[in-house]
Amino acid sequence: MTAGLLSILYSSSAVEPFDDERLLALLRQSRANNERHDLTGMLLYRGGRFVQVLEGPESAVREVVERIGRDPRHTKMRMLFEEPITERQFAAWTMGYEPISEPREQKPPAFRDTFDDLEVGDDATATLRAVRELSLWFRVRAASRA
């Protein structure tokens, strides 16, 4: 068990759309920075919106989140969830990434097709549930490709 770890989830909006090339450059930069600071996490991008989880030593997480907040490539950064953790959920990834495409067929009931439900109201329980669903979805997709 590791003490002093923090997990933060935030969302933001891209100032300009990110194509695959810009996303790849962002991922390379993020992975190098995160490795240097002992951070792990995941990044989701869809329709001009970012959702990111960062986890690691509290001071490093806070420093990187502050730097991200000043990054001119995005706006409307909103902290959605923050909690001390004893174990990393994304220990294998300096910055895991999954592309999320727009659904082309009929959506099943209760299908999450936006990040909007992460940002509605101040219900920490609903946000935590959504974060856990996203992290489970991410890990299952990553494992199925391995």
Protein backbone atom coordinates (compact mmCIF):
# COMPACT_ATOMS: atom_id res chain seq x y z
CA MET A 1 0.00 0.00 0.00
CA THR A 2 1.39 3.40 -1.00
CA ALA A 3 0.62 6.49 1.09
CA GLY A 4 0.28 10.03 -0.19
CA LEU A 5 -1.34 9.23 -3.53
CA LEU A 6 -4.05 11.41 -5.03
CA SER A 7 -6.46 10.85 -7.91
CA ILE A 8 -8.03 13.79 -9.74
CA LEU A 9 -10.59 13.75 -12.53
CA TYR A 10 -11.20 16.84 -14.63
CA SER A 11 -12.92 17.77 -17.85
CA SER A 12 -12.19 20.54 -20.30
CA SER A 13 -13.05 21.70 -23.80
CA ALA A 14 -10.55 21.98 -26.64
CA VAL A 15 -10.16 25.50 -28.02
CA GLU A 16 -9.80 23.92 -31.49
CA PRO A 17 -10.63 20.36 -32.51
CA PHE A 18 -7.83 17.83 -32.10
CA ASP A 19 -7.17 15.55 -35.05
CA ASP A 20 -5.27 12.27 -34.69
CA GLU A 21 -1.90 13.96 -35.24
CA ARG A 22 -2.47 16.59 -32.54
CA LEU A 23 -3.78 13.94 -30.14
CA LEU A 24 -0.69 11.80 -30.74
CA ALA A 25 1.59 14.78 -30.03
CA LEU A 26 -0.38 15.56 -26.86
CA LEU A 27 -0.12 11.94 -25.72
CA ARG A 28 3.65 11.82 -26.31
CA GLN A 29 4.11 15.01 -24.32
CA SER A 30 1.80 13.82 -21.51
CA ARG A 31 3.43 10.41 -21.25
CA ALA A 32 6.94 11.89 -21.04
CA ASN A 33 5.86 14.44 -18.40
CA ASN A 34 3.92 11.87 -16.40
CA GLU A 35 6.81 9.41 -16.39
CA ARG A 36 9.10 12.16 -15.10
CA HIS A 37 6.64 12.96 -12.27
CA ASP A 38 5.59 9.35 -11.44
CA LEU A 39 2.02 9.98 -12.63
CA THR A 40 -0.38 7.56 -14.24
CA GLY A 41 -3.87 7.94 -15.64
CA MET A 42 -6.16 7.93 -18.63
CA LEU A 43 -7.26 10.45 -21.22
CA LEU A 44 -10.53 10.39 -23.14
CA TYR A 45 -11.32 12.75 -25.99
CA ARG A 46 -14.53 13.05 -27.91
CA GLY A 47 -16.28 15.84 -29.75
CA GLY A 48 -13.89 18.52 -28.53
CA ARG A 49 -14.08 17.44 -24.89
CA PHE A 50 -11.36 15.98 -22.70
CA VAL A 51 -11.84 13.87 -19.60
CA GLN A 52 -8.68 12.93 -17.77
CA VAL A 53 -7.77 11.04 -14.62
CA LEU A 54 -4.36 11.73 -13.10
CA GLU A 55 -3.02 9.77 -10.15
CA GLY A 56 0.24 9.75 -8.27
CA PRO A 57 2.03 11.59 -5.46
CA GLU A 58 -0.24 14.40 -4.29
CA SER A 59 2.23 17.25 -4.85
CA ALA A 60 3.05 16.05 -8.37
CA VAL A 61 -0.63 15.64 -9.29
CA ARG A 62 -1.46 19.13 -8.06
CA GLU A 63 1.52 20.67 -9.86
CA VAL A 64 0.66 19.03 -13.18
CA VAL A 65 -3.05 19.86 -12.89
CA GLU A 66 -2.13 23.50 -12.25
CA ARG A 67 0.10 23.50 -15.35
CA ILE A 68 -2.65 21.84 -17.43
CA GLY A 69 -5.05 24.54 -16.25
CA ARG A 70 -2.82 27.18 -17.85
CA ASP A 71 -2.51 25.28 -21.15
CA PRO A 72 -4.02 27.47 -23.93
CA ARG A 73 -5.15 24.43 -25.97
CA HIS A 74 -8.22 23.99 -23.79
CA THR A 75 -10.70 25.95 -21.74
CA LYS A 76 -13.52 25.46 -19.25
CA MET A 77 -11.44 23.13 -17.08
CA ARG A 78 -13.57 21.75 -14.30
CA MET A 79 -12.43 19.59 -11.42
CA LEU A 80 -14.97 16.79 -11.14
CA PHE A 81 -13.53 14.55 -8.50
CA GLU A 82 -10.58 14.38 -6.15
CA GLU A 83 -9.73 11.67 -3.64
CA PRO A 84 -6.75 10.27 -1.76
CA ILE A 85 -6.03 6.74 -2.96
CA THR A 86 -4.00 3.84 -1.64
CA GLU A 87 -3.74 2.03 -4.96
CA ARG A 88 -3.52 3.26 -8.56
CA GLN A 89 -6.24 2.26 -11.02
CA PHE A 90 -4.01 3.00 -14.02
CA ALA A 91 -0.64 1.82 -12.74
CA ALA A 92 0.31 0.35 -16.13
CA TRP A 93 -0.15 3.59 -18.10
CA THR A 94 1.75 6.87 -17.90
CA MET A 95 -1.23 8.09 -19.93
CA GLY A 96 -3.62 5.53 -21.29
CA TYR A 97 -5.76 6.74 -24.16
CA GLU A 98 -8.90 5.48 -25.84
CA PRO A 99 -10.54 7.12 -28.83
CA ILE A 100 -14.29 7.43 -28.47
CA SER A 101 -16.17 7.67 -31.71
CA GLU A 102 -19.70 8.89 -32.23
CA PRO A 103 -22.21 6.00 -32.24
CA ARG A 104 -23.59 5.21 -35.68
CA GLU A 105 -26.50 2.98 -34.74
CA GLN A 106 -29.36 3.15 -32.27
CA LYS A 107 -28.10 3.63 -28.72
CA PRO A 108 -29.05 1.01 -26.13
CA PRO A 109 -30.96 2.18 -23.03
CA ALA A 110 -28.78 4.02 -20.47
CA PHE A 111 -25.94 4.33 -22.99
CA ARG A 112 -23.43 7.05 -22.08
CA ASP A 113 -22.64 8.93 -25.27
CA THR A 114 -21.34 12.20 -23.80
CA PHE A 115 -19.39 13.32 -20.77
CA ASP A 116 -22.25 15.60 -19.72
CA ASP A 117 -23.42 13.39 -16.87
CA LEU A 118 -20.03 13.82 -15.22
CA GLU A 119 -20.62 17.55 -14.93
CA VAL A 120 -24.25 17.79 -13.86
CA GLY A 121 -24.88 19.05 -10.36
CA ASP A 122 -22.79 18.56 -7.28
CA ASP A 123 -23.63 14.92 -6.61
CA ALA A 124 -20.23 13.44 -5.71
CA THR A 125 -21.73 9.94 -5.57
CA ALA A 126 -23.00 10.15 -9.17
CA THR A 127 -19.68 11.56 -10.34
CA LEU A 128 -17.75 8.82 -8.56
CA ARG A 129 -20.01 6.16 -10.09
CA ALA A 130 -19.49 7.64 -13.57
CA VAL A 131 -15.72 7.78 -13.02
CA ARG A 132 -15.65 4.14 -11.96
CA GLU A 133 -17.72 3.14 -14.99
CA LEU A 134 -15.37 5.04 -17.30
CA SER A 135 -12.27 3.53 -15.71
CA LEU A 136 -13.73 0.02 -15.93
CA TRP A 137 -14.68 0.60 -19.59
CA PHE A 138 -11.18 1.88 -20.28
CA ARG A 139 -9.42 -1.05 -18.60
CA VAL A 140 -11.64 -3.64 -20.32
CA ARG A 141 -10.98 -2.09 -23.74
CA ALA A 142 -7.25 -1.91 -23.09
CA ALA A 143 -7.14 -5.53 -21.89
CA SER A 144 -9.10 -6.77 -24.91
CA ARG A 145 -6.49 -5.25 -27.25
CA ALA A 146 -3.57 -6.78 -25.34
